[in-house]
Every structure is written in structure tokens, then in C-alpha cells.
Amino acid sequence: MANSAQARKRARQAENRRQRNAGPRSRLRTHIKNVMKAVASGDQEAAQAAYQKAVPVIDKSVGKGLLHKNKAARHKSRLGQHVRALAG
């Protein structure tokens, strides 16, 4: 347990931030999984639609400080590669 007032406050802030970030992080992961499910099913139209929905969610997570910009770019790049691979 935190012994100083400063450490107690930091623990409170960390918990509040964890709870605030949980929903958006779950939403982000869900969108990424939806793209991967569509790719795994082999449905190019569904994969493209899921990718189009996922990209703004990924970008918003960068703006909110949930993801680093390079990690977001890596996610978008790899998801895009999977979707394009379905095209042939």
C-alpha cells in the first residue's frame, strides 16, 4: 500500500485512468478482431468494411493517448496487408 500522500494520490490517479481507458481500449481491440475475423472468413467485402470502420477508431485512440502513433500505424499497415491479400 502507498505510504505517502503523494503515492496515495498517484495510485488514485492511476486507477481512474485505468478505468477511463478500459472502454476505449476494448472498443479498439474489438474493431481489430472484427477485421481479422472477416479476413479469416475470406470475405473481402466484409474485411474491407471492417477495416474502414477500424481505421478511425485506431486514429482516435492515438489522439486520446491510448496508443503510440507508431503502434497505430503498424496496426493499420498490417491489417491493410491482410485485407489486400484477399484481393489476390
C-alpha atoms as a PDB file:
ATOM      1  CA  MET A   1       0.000   0.000   0.000  1.00  0.00           C
ATOM      2  CA  ALA A   2       1.096   3.553  -0.679  1.00  0.00           C
ATOM      3  CA  ASN A   3       2.780   5.117   2.336  1.00  0.00           C
ATOM      4  CA  SER A   4       2.986   8.786   1.410  1.00  0.00           C
ATOM      5  CA  ALA A   5       0.225  11.172   0.440  1.00  0.00           C
ATOM      6  CA  GLN A   6       1.871  11.601  -2.949  1.00  0.00           C
ATOM      7  CA  ALA A   7       1.934   7.844  -3.553  1.00  0.00           C
ATOM      8  CA  ARG A   8      -1.712   7.527  -2.484  1.00  0.00           C
ATOM      9  CA  LYS A   9      -2.706  10.244  -4.914  1.00  0.00           C
ATOM     10  CA  ARG A  10      -0.729   8.642  -7.757  1.00  0.00           C
ATOM     11  CA  ALA A  11      -2.436   5.319  -7.031  1.00  0.00           C
ATOM     12  CA  ARG A  12      -5.847   7.038  -7.190  1.00  0.00           C
ATOM     13  CA  GLN A  13      -4.963   8.749 -10.459  1.00  0.00           C
ATOM     14  CA  ALA A  14      -3.654   5.527 -11.985  1.00  0.00           C
ATOM     15  CA  GLU A  15      -6.859   3.689 -11.088  1.00  0.00           C
ATOM     16  CA  ASN A  16      -9.049   6.459 -12.506  1.00  0.00           C
ATOM     17  CA  ARG A  17      -7.059   6.489 -15.742  1.00  0.00           C
ATOM     18  CA  ARG A  18      -7.159   2.700 -15.993  1.00  0.00           C
ATOM     19  CA  GLN A  19     -10.944   2.726 -15.700  1.00  0.00           C
ATOM     20  CA  ARG A  20     -11.303   5.613 -18.159  1.00  0.00           C
ATOM     21  CA  ASN A  21      -9.124   3.848 -20.734  1.00  0.00           C
ATOM     22  CA  ALA A  22     -10.732   0.399 -20.387  1.00  0.00           C
ATOM     23  CA  GLY A  23     -13.752   1.107 -22.592  1.00  0.00           C
ATOM     24  CA  PRO A  24     -11.903   2.731 -25.495  1.00  0.00           C
ATOM     25  CA  ARG A  25      -9.201   0.043 -25.344  1.00  0.00           C
ATOM     26  CA  SER A  26     -11.839  -2.690 -25.522  1.00  0.00           C
ATOM     27  CA  ARG A  27     -13.515  -0.919 -28.450  1.00  0.00           C
ATOM     28  CA  LEU A  28     -10.165  -0.703 -30.260  1.00  0.00           C
ATOM     29  CA  ARG A  29      -9.411  -4.377 -29.759  1.00  0.00           C
ATOM     30  CA  THR A  30     -12.912  -5.364 -30.875  1.00  0.00           C
ATOM     31  CA  HIS A  31     -12.547  -3.465 -34.150  1.00  0.00           C
ATOM     32  CA  ILE A  32      -9.152  -5.038 -34.822  1.00  0.00           C
ATOM     33  CA  LYS A  33     -10.570  -8.508 -34.100  1.00  0.00           C
ATOM     34  CA  ASN A  34     -13.517  -7.841 -36.420  1.00  0.00           C
ATOM     35  CA  VAL A  35     -11.120  -7.147 -39.295  1.00  0.00           C
ATOM     36  CA  MET A  36      -9.160 -10.326 -38.559  1.00  0.00           C
ATOM     37  CA  LYS A  37     -12.364 -12.414 -38.368  1.00  0.00           C
ATOM     38  CA  ALA A  38     -13.502 -11.072 -41.740  1.00  0.00           C
ATOM     39  CA  VAL A  39     -10.089 -11.825 -43.241  1.00  0.00           C
ATOM     40  CA  ALA A  40     -10.126 -15.346 -41.786  1.00  0.00           C
ATOM     41  CA  SER A  41     -13.574 -15.980 -43.286  1.00  0.00           C
ATOM     42  CA  GLY A  42     -12.227 -14.970 -46.695  1.00  0.00           C
ATOM     43  CA  ASP A  43     -14.957 -12.371 -47.296  1.00  0.00           C
ATOM     44  CA  GLN A  44     -13.216  -9.474 -49.000  1.00  0.00           C
ATOM     45  CA  GLU A  45     -16.207  -7.111 -48.829  1.00  0.00           C
ATOM     46  CA  ALA A  46     -16.687  -7.681 -45.108  1.00  0.00           C
ATOM     47  CA  ALA A  47     -12.953  -7.346 -44.464  1.00  0.00           C
ATOM     48  CA  GLN A  48     -12.806  -4.054 -46.357  1.00  0.00           C
ATOM     49  CA  ALA A  49     -15.852  -2.725 -44.485  1.00  0.00           C
ATOM     50  CA  ALA A  50     -14.420  -3.772 -41.118  1.00  0.00           C
ATOM     51  CA  TYR A  51     -11.080  -2.176 -41.996  1.00  0.00           C
ATOM     52  CA  GLN A  52     -12.817   1.092 -42.935  1.00  0.00           C
ATOM     53  CA  LYS A  53     -14.542   1.100 -39.540  1.00  0.00           C
ATOM     54  CA  ALA A  54     -11.378   0.192 -37.639  1.00  0.00           C
ATOM     55  CA  VAL A  55      -9.079   2.897 -39.027  1.00  0.00           C
ATOM     56  CA  PRO A  56     -10.880   5.892 -37.434  1.00  0.00           C
ATOM     57  CA  VAL A  57     -11.076   4.048 -34.105  1.00  0.00           C
ATOM     58  CA  ILE A  58      -7.325   3.409 -34.234  1.00  0.00           C
ATOM     59  CA  ASP A  59      -6.648   7.051 -35.111  1.00  0.00           C
ATOM     60  CA  LYS A  60      -8.874   8.326 -32.300  1.00  0.00           C
ATOM     61  CA  SER A  61      -7.053   6.130 -29.807  1.00  0.00           C
ATOM     62  CA  VAL A  62      -3.821   7.922 -30.741  1.00  0.00           C
ATOM     63  CA  GLY A  63      -5.435  11.303 -30.154  1.00  0.00           C
ATOM     64  CA  LYS A  64      -6.637  10.199 -26.740  1.00  0.00           C
ATOM     65  CA  GLY A  65      -3.190   8.915 -25.761  1.00  0.00           C
ATOM     66  CA  LEU A  66      -4.256   5.280 -25.683  1.00  0.00           C
ATOM     67  CA  LEU A  67      -1.797   4.172 -28.385  1.00  0.00           C
ATOM     68  CA  HIS A  68       1.501   5.498 -29.620  1.00  0.00           C
ATOM     69  CA  LYS A  69       1.279   6.820 -33.178  1.00  0.00           C
ATOM     70  CA  ASN A  70       3.786   4.281 -34.474  1.00  0.00           C
ATOM     71  CA  LYS A  71       1.895   1.373 -32.937  1.00  0.00           C
ATOM     72  CA  ALA A  72      -1.303   2.648 -34.531  1.00  0.00           C
ATOM     73  CA  ALA A  73       0.449   2.945 -37.896  1.00  0.00           C
ATOM     74  CA  ARG A  74       1.752  -0.601 -37.504  1.00  0.00           C
ATOM     75  CA  HIS A  75      -1.748  -1.922 -36.738  1.00  0.00           C
ATOM     76  CA  LYS A  76      -3.242  -0.135 -39.749  1.00  0.00           C
ATOM     77  CA  SER A  77      -0.449  -1.297 -42.032  1.00  0.00           C
ATOM     78  CA  ARG A  78      -0.702  -4.943 -41.025  1.00  0.00           C
ATOM     79  CA  LEU A  79      -4.489  -5.008 -41.151  1.00  0.00           C
ATOM     80  CA  GLY A  80      -4.343  -3.390 -44.578  1.00  0.00           C
ATOM     81  CA  GLN A  81      -1.899  -6.021 -45.775  1.00  0.00           C
ATOM     82  CA  HIS A  82      -4.265  -8.782 -44.680  1.00  0.00           C
ATOM     83  CA  VAL A  83      -7.208  -7.135 -46.427  1.00  0.00           C
ATOM     84  CA  ARG A  84      -5.252  -6.546 -49.645  1.00  0.00           C
ATOM     85  CA  ALA A  85      -4.033 -10.148 -49.622  1.00  0.00           C
ATOM     86  CA  LEU A  86      -7.647 -11.265 -50.031  1.00  0.00           C
ATOM     87  CA  ALA A  87      -7.894  -9.325 -53.294  1.00  0.00           C
ATOM     88  CA  GLY A  88      -5.387 -11.615 -54.866  1.00  0.00           C
END
